[in-house]
Amino acid sequence: MLIDLRTYTVLPGKTREYLALYEEHAREVQLSHLGNLVGYFTSEVGPLNEVVHVWAYKDWQDRADRRASMWADPRFDNAAARLYPLIQRQENKLLTPTSFSPLK
């Protein structure tokens, strides 16, 4: 298993707009290509204006194949054009489970 932990810092005051645009234009296309959405969150304490989403993949190749498929879809290109102007910073972590992790 490979976990893709993505943290996007949205421009101040734009989190609601980002989430509405994501839900309307990107959510379904991402789900159709990426599959296993573990969770989609916003920050309430600590660094603010953060949108955090977590995706699970079988392995590195599964992630690469699924993301390539998503980027080849013109619907996602359209969604990205709407969302990216609202993003100030992106951070991405790829995590592998330990031997005792409940998620494997």
PDB file of N, CA and C in Angstrom:
ATOM      1  N   MET A   1       0.835  -1.181   0.000  1.00  0.00           N
ATOM      2  CA  MET A   1       0.000   0.000   0.000  1.00  0.00           C
ATOM      3  C   MET A   1       0.878   1.242   0.000  1.00  0.00           C
ATOM      4  N   LEU A   2       0.390   2.258  -0.699  1.00  0.00           N
ATOM      5  CA  LEU A   2       1.051   3.558  -0.743  1.00  0.00           C
ATOM      6  C   LEU A   2      -0.001   4.618  -0.435  1.00  0.00           C
ATOM      7  N   ILE A   3       0.288   5.480   0.534  1.00  0.00           N
ATOM      8  CA  ILE A   3      -0.616   6.565   0.902  1.00  0.00           C
ATOM      9  C   ILE A   3      -0.065   7.870   0.333  1.00  0.00           C
ATOM     10  N   ASP A   4      -0.923   8.603  -0.338  1.00  0.00           N
ATOM     11  CA  ASP A   4      -0.583   9.905  -0.906  1.00  0.00           C
ATOM     12  C   ASP A   4      -1.286  10.961  -0.055  1.00  0.00           C
ATOM     13  N   LEU A   5      -0.509  11.676   0.749  1.00  0.00           N
ATOM     14  CA  LEU A   5      -1.019  12.718   1.641  1.00  0.00           C
ATOM     15  C   LEU A   5      -0.716  14.065   0.996  1.00  0.00           C
ATOM     16  N   ARG A   6      -1.755  14.770   0.581  1.00  0.00           N
ATOM     17  CA  ARG A   6      -1.589  16.017  -0.157  1.00  0.00           C
ATOM     18  C   ARG A   6      -2.160  17.170   0.668  1.00  0.00           C
ATOM     19  N   THR A   7      -1.343  18.194   0.912  1.00  0.00           N
ATOM     20  CA  THR A   7      -1.770  19.367   1.661  1.00  0.00           C
ATOM     21  C   THR A   7      -1.648  20.586   0.759  1.00  0.00           C
ATOM     22  N   TYR A   8      -2.775  21.242   0.539  1.00  0.00           N
ATOM     23  CA  TYR A   8      -2.809  22.451  -0.276  1.00  0.00           C
ATOM     24  C   TYR A   8      -3.143  23.624   0.630  1.00  0.00           C
ATOM     25  N   THR A   9      -2.307  24.645   0.614  1.00  0.00           N
ATOM     26  CA  THR A   9      -2.606  25.880   1.314  1.00  0.00           C
ATOM     27  C   THR A   9      -3.312  26.789   0.322  1.00  0.00           C
ATOM     28  N   VAL A  10      -4.545  27.121   0.656  1.00  0.00           N
ATOM     29  CA  VAL A  10      -5.385  27.929  -0.219  1.00  0.00           C
ATOM     30  C   VAL A  10      -5.214  29.397   0.164  1.00  0.00           C
ATOM     31  N   LEU A  11      -5.375  30.285  -0.793  1.00  0.00           N
ATOM     32  CA  LEU A  11      -5.292  31.713  -0.498  1.00  0.00           C
ATOM     33  C   LEU A  11      -6.253  32.075   0.638  1.00  0.00           C
ATOM     34  N   PRO A  12      -5.836  32.958   1.545  1.00  0.00           N
ATOM     35  CA  PRO A  12      -6.708  33.333   2.659  1.00  0.00           C
ATOM     36  C   PRO A  12      -8.085  33.785   2.165  1.00  0.00           C
ATOM     37  N   GLY A  13      -9.105  33.259   2.825  1.00  0.00           N
ATOM     38  CA  GLY A  13     -10.475  33.608   2.484  1.00  0.00           C
ATOM     39  C   GLY A  13     -11.052  32.846   1.302  1.00  0.00           C
ATOM     40  N   LYS A  14     -10.294  31.906   0.730  1.00  0.00           N
ATOM     41  CA  LYS A  14     -10.740  31.206  -0.481  1.00  0.00           C
ATOM     42  C   LYS A  14     -11.040  29.724  -0.263  1.00  0.00           C
ATOM     43  N   THR A  15     -10.986  29.253   0.980  1.00  0.00           N
ATOM     44  CA  THR A  15     -11.190  27.819   1.220  1.00  0.00           C
ATOM     45  C   THR A  15     -12.577  27.363   0.782  1.00  0.00           C
ATOM     46  N   ARG A  16     -13.611  28.088   1.139  1.00  0.00           N
ATOM     47  CA  ARG A  16     -14.974  27.690   0.742  1.00  0.00           C
ATOM     48  C   ARG A  16     -15.123  27.671  -0.775  1.00  0.00           C
ATOM     49  N   GLU A  17     -14.564  28.679  -1.429  1.00  0.00           N
ATOM     50  CA  GLU A  17     -14.629  28.730  -2.897  1.00  0.00           C
ATOM     51  C   GLU A  17     -13.894  27.532  -3.500  1.00  0.00           C
ATOM     52  N   TYR A  18     -12.705  27.238  -2.961  1.00  0.00           N
ATOM     53  CA  TYR A  18     -11.935  26.100  -3.452  1.00  0.00           C
ATOM     54  C   TYR A  18     -12.734  24.803  -3.309  1.00  0.00           C
ATOM     55  N   LEU A  19     -13.307  24.587  -2.126  1.00  0.00           N
ATOM     56  CA  LEU A  19     -14.058  23.349  -1.882  1.00  0.00           C
ATOM     57  C   LEU A  19     -15.284  23.244  -2.787  1.00  0.00           C
ATOM     58  N   ALA A  20     -15.976  24.342  -3.008  1.00  0.00           N
ATOM     59  CA  ALA A  20     -17.145  24.327  -3.896  1.00  0.00           C
ATOM     60  C   ALA A  20     -16.728  23.999  -5.326  1.00  0.00           C
ATOM     61  N   LEU A  21     -15.651  24.610  -5.801  1.00  0.00           N
ATOM     62  CA  LEU A  21     -15.155  24.322  -7.151  1.00  0.00           C
ATOM     63  C   LEU A  21     -14.668  22.883  -7.259  1.00  0.00           C
ATOM     64  N   TYR A  22     -13.978  22.413  -6.216  1.00  0.00           N
ATOM     65  CA  TYR A  22     -13.506  21.030  -6.226  1.00  0.00           C
ATOM     66  C   TYR A  22     -14.684  20.067  -6.334  1.00  0.00           C
ATOM     67  N   GLU A  23     -15.686  20.288  -5.493  1.00  0.00           N
ATOM     68  CA  GLU A  23     -16.835  19.376  -5.494  1.00  0.00           C
ATOM     69  C   GLU A  23     -17.570  19.401  -6.834  1.00  0.00           C
ATOM     70  N   GLU A  24     -17.674  20.569  -7.429  1.00  0.00           N
ATOM     71  CA  GLU A  24     -18.408  20.700  -8.689  1.00  0.00           C
ATOM     72  C   GLU A  24     -17.620  20.201  -9.900  1.00  0.00           C
ATOM     73  N   HIS A  25     -16.309  20.438  -9.929  1.00  0.00           N
ATOM     74  CA  HIS A  25     -15.546  20.187 -11.152  1.00  0.00           C
ATOM     75  C   HIS A  25     -14.503  19.072 -11.069  1.00  0.00           C
ATOM     76  N   ALA A  26     -14.010  18.746  -9.885  1.00  0.00           N
ATOM     77  CA  ALA A  26     -12.880  17.811  -9.804  1.00  0.00           C
ATOM     78  C   ALA A  26     -13.192  16.506  -9.085  1.00  0.00           C
ATOM     79  N   ARG A  27     -14.086  16.535  -8.136  1.00  0.00           N
ATOM     80  CA  ARG A  27     -14.306  15.367  -7.274  1.00  0.00           C
ATOM     81  C   ARG A  27     -14.614  14.102  -8.067  1.00  0.00           C
ATOM     82  N   GLU A  28     -15.620  14.151  -8.907  1.00  0.00           N
ATOM     83  CA  GLU A  28     -16.029  12.944  -9.632  1.00  0.00           C
ATOM     84  C   GLU A  28     -14.948  12.449 -10.584  1.00  0.00           C
ATOM     85  N   VAL A  29     -14.282  13.372 -11.264  1.00  0.00           N
ATOM     86  CA  VAL A  29     -13.239  12.935 -12.202  1.00  0.00           C
ATOM     87  C   VAL A  29     -12.069  12.316 -11.445  1.00  0.00           C
ATOM     88  N   GLN A  30     -11.707  12.877 -10.295  1.00  0.00           N
ATOM     89  CA  GLN A  30     -10.636  12.271  -9.509  1.00  0.00           C
ATOM     90  C   GLN A  30     -11.046  10.893  -9.009  1.00  0.00           C
ATOM     91  N   LEU A  31     -12.251  10.785  -8.481  1.00  0.00           N
ATOM     92  CA  LEU A  31     -12.709   9.481  -7.990  1.00  0.00           C
ATOM     93  C   LEU A  31     -12.741   8.445  -9.107  1.00  0.00           C
ATOM     94  N   SER A  32     -13.120   8.855 -10.306  1.00  0.00           N
ATOM     95  CA  SER A  32     -13.205   7.896 -11.409  1.00  0.00           C
ATOM     96  C   SER A  32     -11.834   7.375 -11.827  1.00  0.00           C
ATOM     97  N   HIS A  33     -10.790   8.160 -11.614  1.00  0.00           N
ATOM     98  CA  HIS A  33      -9.440   7.733 -12.008  1.00  0.00           C
ATOM     99  C   HIS A  33      -8.612   7.229 -10.822  1.00  0.00           C
ATOM    100  N   LEU A  34      -8.656   7.952  -9.712  1.00  0.00           N
ATOM    101  CA  LEU A  34      -7.776   7.626  -8.586  1.00  0.00           C
ATOM    102  C   LEU A  34      -8.358   6.567  -7.665  1.00  0.00           C
ATOM    103  N   GLY A  35      -9.686   6.511  -7.582  1.00  0.00           N
ATOM    104  CA  GLY A  35     -10.323   5.437  -6.835  1.00  0.00           C
ATOM    105  C   GLY A  35     -10.449   5.647  -5.350  1.00  0.00           C
ATOM    106  N   ASN A  36      -9.464   5.252  -4.584  1.00  0.00           N
ATOM    107  CA  ASN A  36      -9.607   5.118  -3.136  1.00  0.00           C
ATOM    108  C   ASN A  36      -9.287   6.409  -2.377  1.00  0.00           C
ATOM    109  N   LEU A  37     -10.298   7.263  -2.223  1.00  0.00           N
ATOM    110  CA  LEU A  37     -10.159   8.467  -1.409  1.00  0.00           C
ATOM    111  C   LEU A  37     -10.348   8.078   0.052  1.00  0.00           C
ATOM    112  N   VAL A  38      -9.295   8.219   0.840  1.00  0.00           N
ATOM    113  CA  VAL A  38      -9.348   7.878   2.265  1.00  0.00           C
ATOM    114  C   VAL A  38     -10.043   8.993   3.042  1.00  0.00           C
ATOM    115  N   GLY A  39      -9.776  10.248   2.678  1.00  0.00           N
ATOM    116  CA  GLY A  39     -10.406  11.368   3.363  1.00  0.00           C
ATOM    117  C   GLY A  39     -10.054  12.696   2.724  1.00  0.00           C
ATOM    118  N   TYR A  40     -10.900  13.691   2.976  1.00  0.00           N
ATOM    119  CA  TYR A  40     -10.711  15.057   2.470  1.00  0.00           C
ATOM    120  C   TYR A  40     -11.042  15.988   3.624  1.00  0.00           C
ATOM    121  N   PHE A  41     -10.105  16.829   4.035  1.00  0.00           N
ATOM    122  CA  PHE A  41     -10.221  17.575   5.285  1.00  0.00           C
ATOM    123  C   PHE A  41      -9.827  19.042   5.113  1.00  0.00           C
ATOM    124  N   THR A  42     -10.249  19.869   6.063  1.00  0.00           N
ATOM    125  CA  THR A  42      -9.756  21.237   6.168  1.00  0.00           C
ATOM    126  C   THR A  42      -9.160  21.418   7.561  1.00  0.00           C
ATOM    127  N   SER A  43      -8.213  22.337   7.675  1.00  0.00           N
ATOM    128  CA  SER A  43      -7.563  22.582   8.966  1.00  0.00           C
ATOM    129  C   SER A  43      -8.400  23.540   9.807  1.00  0.00           C
ATOM    130  N   GLU A  44      -8.421  23.299  11.100  1.00  0.00           N
ATOM    131  CA  GLU A  44      -9.151  24.148  12.045  1.00  0.00           C
ATOM    132  C   GLU A  44      -8.219  24.754  13.090  1.00  0.00           C
ATOM    133  N   VAL A  45      -7.094  24.097  13.361  1.00  0.00           N
ATOM    134  CA  VAL A  45      -6.128  24.551  14.353  1.00  0.00           C
ATOM    135  C   VAL A  45      -4.751  24.416  13.720  1.00  0.00           C
ATOM    136  N   GLY A  46      -3.815  25.271  14.118  1.00  0.00           N
ATOM    137  CA  GLY A  46      -2.487  25.239  13.518  1.00  0.00           C
ATOM    138  C   GLY A  46      -2.508  26.054  12.237  1.00  0.00           C
ATOM    139  N   PRO A  47      -1.719  25.653  11.246  1.00  0.00           N
ATOM    140  CA  PRO A  47      -1.753  26.386   9.975  1.00  0.00           C
ATOM    141  C   PRO A  47      -3.176  26.365   9.396  1.00  0.00           C
ATOM    142  N   LEU A  48      -3.680  27.535   9.041  1.00  0.00           N
ATOM    143  CA  LEU A  48      -5.042  27.638   8.529  1.00  0.00           C
ATOM    144  C   LEU A  48      -5.042  27.668   7.003  1.00  0.00           C
ATOM    145  N   ASN A  49      -6.224  27.632   6.439  1.00  0.00           N
ATOM    146  CA  ASN A  49      -6.419  27.662   4.986  1.00  0.00           C
ATOM    147  C   ASN A  49      -5.822  26.439   4.301  1.00  0.00           C
ATOM    148  N   GLU A  50      -5.758  25.325   5.014  1.00  0.00           N
ATOM    149  CA  GLU A  50      -5.222  24.100   4.425  1.00  0.00           C
ATOM    150  C   GLU A  50      -6.342  23.129   4.074  1.00  0.00           C
ATOM    151  N   VAL A  51      -6.201  22.541   2.910  1.00  0.00           N
ATOM    152  CA  VAL A  51      -7.067  21.455   2.464  1.00  0.00           C
ATOM    153  C   VAL A  51      -6.164  20.233   2.360  1.00  0.00           C
ATOM    154  N   VAL A  52      -6.536  19.169   3.058  1.00  0.00           N
ATOM    155  CA  VAL A  52      -5.716  17.957   3.098  1.00  0.00           C
ATOM    156  C   VAL A  52      -6.535  16.810   2.533  1.00  0.00           C
ATOM    157  N   HIS A  53      -5.966  16.119   1.549  1.00  0.00           N
ATOM    158  CA  HIS A  53      -6.650  14.934   1.049  1.00  0.00           C
ATOM    159  C   HIS A  53      -5.694  13.762   1.031  1.00  0.00           C
ATOM    160  N   VAL A  54      -6.264  12.585   1.269  1.00  0.00           N
ATOM    161  CA  VAL A  54      -5.486  11.361   1.432  1.00  0.00           C
ATOM    162  C   VAL A  54      -6.038  10.315   0.468  1.00  0.00           C
ATOM    163  N   TRP A  55      -5.142   9.771  -0.352  1.00  0.00           N
ATOM    164  CA  TRP A  55      -5.500   8.743  -1.333  1.00  0.00           C
ATOM    165  C   TRP A  55      -4.671   7.496  -1.063  1.00  0.00           C
ATOM    166  N   ALA A  56      -5.250   6.331  -1.300  1.00  0.00           N
ATOM    167  CA  ALA A  56      -4.531   5.064  -1.117  1.00  0.00           C
ATOM    168  C   ALA A  56      -4.371   4.381  -2.469  1.00  0.00           C
ATOM    169  N   TYR A  57      -3.194   3.812  -2.678  1.00  0.00           N
ATOM    170  CA  TYR A  57      -2.879   3.088  -3.913  1.00  0.00           C
ATOM    171  C   TYR A  57      -2.282   1.734  -3.559  1.00  0.00           C
ATOM    172  N   LYS A  58      -2.352   0.839  -4.499  1.00  0.00           N
ATOM    173  CA  LYS A  58      -1.769  -0.491  -4.303  1.00  0.00           C
ATOM    174  C   LYS A  58      -0.248  -0.384  -4.139  1.00  0.00           C
ATOM    175  N   ASP A  59       0.371   0.402  -5.016  1.00  0.00           N
ATOM    176  CA  ASP A  59       1.824   0.568  -5.003  1.00  0.00           C
ATOM    177  C   ASP A  59       2.186   1.794  -5.845  1.00  0.00           C
ATOM    178  N   TRP A  60       3.476   2.037  -6.030  1.00  0.00           N
ATOM    179  CA  TRP A  60       3.953   3.201  -6.777  1.00  0.00           C
ATOM    180  C   TRP A  60       3.450   3.188  -8.221  1.00  0.00           C
ATOM    181  N   GLN A  61       3.468   2.025  -8.851  1.00  0.00           N
ATOM    182  CA  GLN A  61       3.035   1.937 -10.246  1.00  0.00           C
ATOM    183  C   GLN A  61       1.543   2.203 -10.379  1.00  0.00           C
ATOM    184  N   ASP A  62       0.760   1.693  -9.442  1.00  0.00           N
ATOM    185  CA  ASP A  62      -0.678   1.949  -9.448  1.00  0.00           C
ATOM    186  C   ASP A  62      -0.935   3.452  -9.370  1.00  0.00           C
ATOM    187  N   ARG A  63      -0.215   4.138  -8.495  1.00  0.00           N
ATOM    188  CA  ARG A  63      -0.371   5.591  -8.375  1.00  0.00           C
ATOM    189  C   ARG A  63       0.009   6.278  -9.678  1.00  0.00           C
ATOM    190  N   ALA A  64       1.147   5.916 -10.239  1.00  0.00           N
ATOM    191  CA  ALA A  64       1.603   6.547 -11.483  1.00  0.00           C
ATOM    192  C   ALA A  64       0.593   6.342 -12.611  1.00  0.00           C
ATOM    193  N   ASP A  65       0.093   5.131 -12.747  1.00  0.00           N
ATOM    194  CA  ASP A  65      -0.872   4.827 -13.809  1.00  0.00           C
ATOM    195  C   ASP A  65      -2.169   5.604 -13.621  1.00  0.00           C
ATOM    196  N   ARG A  66      -2.671   5.623 -12.407  1.00  0.00           N
ATOM    197  CA  ARG A  66      -3.942   6.305 -12.136  1.00  0.00           C
ATOM    198  C   ARG A  66      -3.823   7.818 -12.320  1.00  0.00           C
ATOM    199  N   ARG A  67      -2.717   8.394 -11.877  1.00  0.00           N
ATOM    200  CA  ARG A  67      -2.544   9.841 -12.035  1.00  0.00           C
ATOM    201  C   ARG A  67      -2.334  10.216 -13.496  1.00  0.00           C
ATOM    202  N   ALA A  68      -1.638   9.382 -14.253  1.00  0.00           N
ATOM    203  CA  ALA A  68      -1.474   9.650 -15.689  1.00  0.00           C
ATOM    204  C   ALA A  68      -2.826   9.615 -16.394  1.00  0.00           C
ATOM    205  N   SER A  69      -3.652   8.661 -16.028  1.00  0.00           N
ATOM    206  CA  SER A  69      -4.995   8.558 -16.597  1.00  0.00           C
ATOM    207  C   SER A  69      -5.821   9.802 -16.264  1.00  0.00           C
ATOM    208  N   MET A  70      -5.722  10.262 -15.022  1.00  0.00           N
ATOM    209  CA  MET A  70      -6.468  11.452 -14.607  1.00  0.00           C
ATOM    210  C   MET A  70      -6.028  12.676 -15.403  1.00  0.00           C
ATOM    211  N   TRP A  71      -4.709  12.865 -15.535  1.00  0.00           N
ATOM    212  CA  TRP A  71      -4.205  14.042 -16.242  1.00  0.00           C
ATOM    213  C   TRP A  71      -4.503  13.991 -17.736  1.00  0.00           C
ATOM    214  N   ALA A  72      -4.742  12.812 -18.278  1.00  0.00           N
ATOM    215  CA  ALA A  72      -5.099  12.685 -19.698  1.00  0.00           C
ATOM    216  C   ALA A  72      -6.571  13.015 -19.945  1.00  0.00           C
ATOM    217  N   ASP A  73      -7.344  13.127 -18.890  1.00  0.00           N
ATOM    218  CA  ASP A  73      -8.777  13.416 -18.999  1.00  0.00           C
ATOM    219  C   ASP A  73      -8.977  14.932 -19.083  1.00  0.00           C
ATOM    220  N   PRO A  74      -9.544  15.441 -20.164  1.00  0.00           N
ATOM    221  CA  PRO A  74      -9.732  16.891 -20.290  1.00  0.00           C
ATOM    222  C   PRO A  74     -10.617  17.494 -19.198  1.00  0.00           C
ATOM    223  N   ARG A  75     -11.461  16.686 -18.583  1.00  0.00           N
ATOM    224  CA  ARG A  75     -12.291  17.191 -17.480  1.00  0.00           C
ATOM    225  C   ARG A  75     -11.420  17.616 -16.303  1.00  0.00           C
ATOM    226  N   PHE A  76     -10.335  16.856 -16.045  1.00  0.00           N
ATOM    227  CA  PHE A  76      -9.474  17.235 -14.928  1.00  0.00           C
ATOM    228  C   PHE A  76      -8.630  18.451 -15.282  1.00  0.00           C
ATOM    229  N   ASP A  77      -8.198  18.543 -16.513  1.00  0.00           N
ATOM    230  CA  ASP A  77      -7.452  19.719 -16.954  1.00  0.00           C
ATOM    231  C   ASP A  77      -8.295  20.980 -16.747  1.00  0.00           C
ATOM    232  N   ASN A  78      -9.570  20.898 -17.078  1.00  0.00           N
ATOM    233  CA  ASN A  78     -10.498  22.010 -16.874  1.00  0.00           C
ATOM    234  C   ASN A  78     -10.645  22.330 -15.383  1.00  0.00           C
ATOM    235  N   ALA A  79     -10.777  21.302 -14.563  1.00  0.00           N
ATOM    236  CA  ALA A  79     -10.906  21.503 -13.118  1.00  0.00           C
ATOM    237  C   ALA A  79      -9.647  22.140 -12.541  1.00  0.00           C
ATOM    238  N   ALA A  80      -8.494  21.651 -12.956  1.00  0.00           N
ATOM    239  CA  ALA A  80      -7.227  22.186 -12.451  1.00  0.00           C
ATOM    240  C   ALA A  80      -7.079  23.664 -12.800  1.00  0.00           C
ATOM    241  N   ALA A  81      -7.514  24.050 -13.991  1.00  0.00           N
ATOM    242  CA  ALA A  81      -7.431  25.457 -14.398  1.00  0.00           C
ATOM    243  C   ALA A  81      -8.268  26.351 -13.488  1.00  0.00           C
ATOM    244  N   ARG A  82      -9.339  25.811 -12.927  1.00  0.00           N
ATOM    245  CA  ARG A  82     -10.188  26.577 -12.010  1.00  0.00           C
ATOM    246  C   ARG A  82      -9.619  26.600 -10.588  1.00  0.00           C
ATOM    247  N   LEU A  83      -9.002  25.492 -10.178  1.00  0.00           N
ATOM    248  CA  LEU A  83      -8.544  25.351  -8.795  1.00  0.00           C
ATOM    249  C   LEU A  83      -7.162  25.944  -8.540  1.00  0.00           C
ATOM    250  N   TYR A  84      -6.228  25.756  -9.455  1.00  0.00           N
ATOM    251  CA  TYR A  84      -4.845  26.139  -9.191  1.00  0.00           C
ATOM    252  C   TYR A  84      -4.650  27.618  -8.859  1.00  0.00           C
ATOM    253  N   PRO A  85      -5.412  28.549  -9.449  1.00  0.00           N
ATOM    254  CA  PRO A  85      -5.225  29.953  -9.059  1.00  0.00           C
ATOM    255  C   PRO A  85      -5.546  30.232  -7.584  1.00  0.00           C
ATOM    256  N   LEU A  86      -6.275  29.335  -6.934  1.00  0.00           N
ATOM    257  CA  LEU A  86      -6.631  29.525  -5.525  1.00  0.00           C
ATOM    258  C   LEU A  86      -5.617  28.893  -4.571  1.00  0.00           C
ATOM    259  N   ILE A  87      -4.651  28.164  -5.115  1.00  0.00           N
ATOM    260  CA  ILE A  87      -3.677  27.451  -4.285  1.00  0.00           C
ATOM    261  C   ILE A  87      -2.406  28.280  -4.151  1.00  0.00           C
ATOM    262  N   GLN A  88      -2.016  28.502  -2.906  1.00  0.00           N
ATOM    263  CA  GLN A  88      -0.807  29.268  -2.604  1.00  0.00           C
ATOM    264  C   GLN A  88       0.420  28.359  -2.519  1.00  0.00           C
ATOM    265  N   ARG A  89       0.213  27.145  -1.999  1.00  0.00           N
ATOM    266  CA  ARG A  89       1.331  26.221  -1.767  1.00  0.00           C
ATOM    267  C   ARG A  89       0.804  24.800  -1.799  1.00  0.00           C
ATOM    268  N   GLN A  90       1.624  23.881  -2.305  1.00  0.00           N
ATOM    269  CA  GLN A  90       1.279  22.459  -2.310  1.00  0.00           C
ATOM    270  C   GLN A  90       2.394  21.670  -1.639  1.00  0.00           C
ATOM    271  N   GLU A  91       1.986  20.695  -0.833  1.00  0.00           N
ATOM    272  CA  GLU A  91       2.940  19.759  -0.237  1.00  0.00           C
ATOM    273  C   GLU A  91       2.378  18.361  -0.430  1.00  0.00           C
ATOM    274  N   ASN A  92       3.243  17.451  -0.815  1.00  0.00           N
ATOM    275  CA  ASN A  92       2.818  16.086  -1.078  1.00  0.00           C
ATOM    276  C   ASN A  92       3.766  15.132  -0.361  1.00  0.00           C
ATOM    277  N   LYS A  93       3.184  14.160   0.356  1.00  0.00           N
ATOM    278  CA  LYS A  93       3.989  13.125   1.009  1.00  0.00           C
ATOM    279  C   LYS A  93       3.473  11.772   0.554  1.00  0.00           C
ATOM    280  N   LEU A  94       4.385  10.901   0.186  1.00  0.00           N
ATOM    281  CA  LEU A  94       4.040   9.523  -0.143  1.00  0.00           C
ATOM    282  C   LEU A  94       4.513   8.661   1.015  1.00  0.00           C
ATOM    283  N   LEU A  95       3.577   7.950   1.622  1.00  0.00           N
ATOM    284  CA  LEU A  95       3.839   7.209   2.852  1.00  0.00           C
ATOM    285  C   LEU A  95       3.629   5.720   2.638  1.00  0.00           C
ATOM    286  N   THR A  96       4.502   4.921   3.237  1.00  0.00           N
ATOM    287  CA  THR A  96       4.327   3.469   3.222  1.00  0.00           C
ATOM    288  C   THR A  96       4.067   3.008   4.653  1.00  0.00           C
ATOM    289  N   PRO A  97       3.178   2.030   4.837  1.00  0.00           N
ATOM    290  CA  PRO A  97       2.813   1.602   6.187  1.00  0.00           C
ATOM    291  C   PRO A  97       3.930   0.813   6.873  1.00  0.00           C
ATOM    292  N   THR A  98       3.977   0.946   8.179  1.00  0.00           N
ATOM    293  CA  THR A  98       4.877   0.126   8.982  1.00  0.00           C
ATOM    294  C   THR A  98       4.291  -1.279   9.102  1.00  0.00           C
ATOM    295  N   SER A  99       5.062  -2.200   9.649  1.00  0.00           N
ATOM    296  CA  SER A  99       4.588  -3.582   9.799  1.00  0.00           C
ATOM    297  C   SER A  99       3.388  -3.679  10.738  1.00  0.00           C
ATOM    298  N   PHE A 100       3.231  -2.715  11.655  1.00  0.00           N
ATOM    299  CA  PHE A 100       2.140  -2.772  12.629  1.00  0.00           C
ATOM    300  C   PHE A 100       1.011  -1.777  12.330  1.00  0.00           C
ATOM    301  N   SER A 101       1.060  -1.139  11.179  1.00  0.00           N
ATOM    302  CA  SER A 101       0.011  -0.183  10.821  1.00  0.00           C
ATOM    303  C   SER A 101      -1.318  -0.886  10.556  1.00  0.00           C
ATOM    304  N   PRO A 102      -2.436  -0.329  11.053  1.00  0.00           N
ATOM    305  CA  PRO A 102      -3.744  -0.920  10.752  1.00  0.00           C
ATOM    306  C   PRO A 102      -4.079  -0.835   9.258  1.00  0.00           C
ATOM    307  N   LEU A 103      -3.577   0.196   8.588  1.00  0.00           N
ATOM    308  CA  LEU A 103      -3.749   0.306   7.134  1.00  0.00           C
ATOM    309  C   LEU A 103      -2.564  -0.354   6.457  1.00  0.00           C
ATOM    310  N   LYS A 104      -2.832  -1.291   5.579  1.00  0.00           N
ATOM    311  CA  LYS A 104      -1.730  -1.966   4.861  1.00  0.00           C
ATOM    312  C   LYS A 104      -2.064  -2.062   3.410  1.00  0.00           C
TER     313      LYS A 104
END
